[in-house]
Protein backbone atom coordinates (compact mmCIF):
# COMPACT_ATOMS: atom_id res chain seq x y z
CA UNK A 1 8.87 14.55 12.63
CA UNK A 2 6.80 11.82 10.92
CA UNK A 3 6.01 12.24 7.39
CA UNK A 4 3.00 10.20 5.88
CA UNK A 5 2.68 9.17 2.23
CA UNK A 6 -0.79 8.85 0.64
CA UNK A 7 -0.63 6.28 -2.08
CA UNK A 8 -3.63 7.85 -3.77
CA UNK A 9 -1.94 11.28 -3.97
CA UNK A 10 -0.20 12.21 -7.20
CA UNK A 11 1.00 15.54 -6.00
CA UNK A 12 4.58 14.19 -5.77
CA UNK A 13 4.70 13.60 -9.46
CA UNK A 14 5.19 15.90 -12.39
CA UNK A 15 2.53 15.64 -15.11
CA UNK A 16 4.16 12.97 -17.34
CA UNK A 17 5.03 10.83 -14.40
CA UNK A 18 1.44 11.28 -13.12
CA UNK A 19 0.07 10.12 -16.33
CA UNK A 20 2.27 7.08 -16.38
CA UNK A 21 1.46 6.21 -12.78
CA UNK A 22 -2.29 6.44 -13.49
CA UNK A 23 -1.91 4.25 -16.54
CA UNK A 24 0.33 1.63 -14.80
CA UNK A 25 -2.13 0.28 -12.30
CA UNK A 26 -5.64 -0.80 -12.72
CA UNK A 27 -8.17 1.14 -10.62
CA UNK A 28 -10.77 -1.57 -10.43
CA UNK A 29 -10.62 -5.34 -10.38
CA UNK A 30 -12.60 -5.18 -13.83
CA UNK A 31 -9.63 -3.43 -15.36
CA UNK A 32 -7.37 -6.50 -14.82
CA UNK A 33 -6.51 -8.45 -17.91
CA UNK A 34 -6.30 -12.22 -17.88
CA UNK A 35 -6.21 -14.63 -14.83
CA UNK A 36 -10.03 -14.21 -14.21
CA UNK A 37 -10.10 -16.81 -11.30
CA UNK A 38 -7.18 -15.09 -9.54
CA UNK A 39 -8.72 -11.69 -9.75
CA UNK A 40 -12.05 -13.07 -8.57
CA UNK A 41 -10.42 -14.58 -5.60
CA UNK A 42 -8.52 -11.52 -4.82
CA UNK A 43 -11.66 -9.34 -4.96
CA UNK A 44 -13.35 -11.63 -2.57
CA UNK A 45 -10.46 -11.36 -0.22
CA UNK A 46 -10.55 -7.57 -0.33
CA UNK A 47 -14.26 -7.36 0.12
CA UNK A 48 -14.20 -9.82 3.19
CA UNK A 49 -11.26 -7.78 4.82
CA UNK A 50 -13.37 -4.59 4.26
CA UNK A 51 -16.46 -6.15 5.87
CA UNK A 52 -14.39 -7.17 8.90
CA UNK A 53 -12.77 -3.81 9.06
CA UNK A 54 -9.36 -5.18 8.93
CA UNK A 55 -6.48 -4.85 6.43
CA UNK A 56 -5.88 -7.64 3.94
CA UNK A 57 -3.49 -10.36 4.86
CA UNK A 58 -0.32 -10.34 2.88
CA UNK A 59 -0.84 -11.99 -0.49
CA UNK A 60 1.48 -12.86 -3.40
């Protein structure tokens, strides 16, 4: 049996963990602090991949 995991689902967490997880990661590129040029480039990469209908290449 194959189990799938939805990264957008918080049903696996209790309420305190869910609040922590939601606060941990920015939901939009506008929520990132600092490194404006890097965030801008990452946003462009993501939009381009979506337009192509492909997943984003591995980035660090």
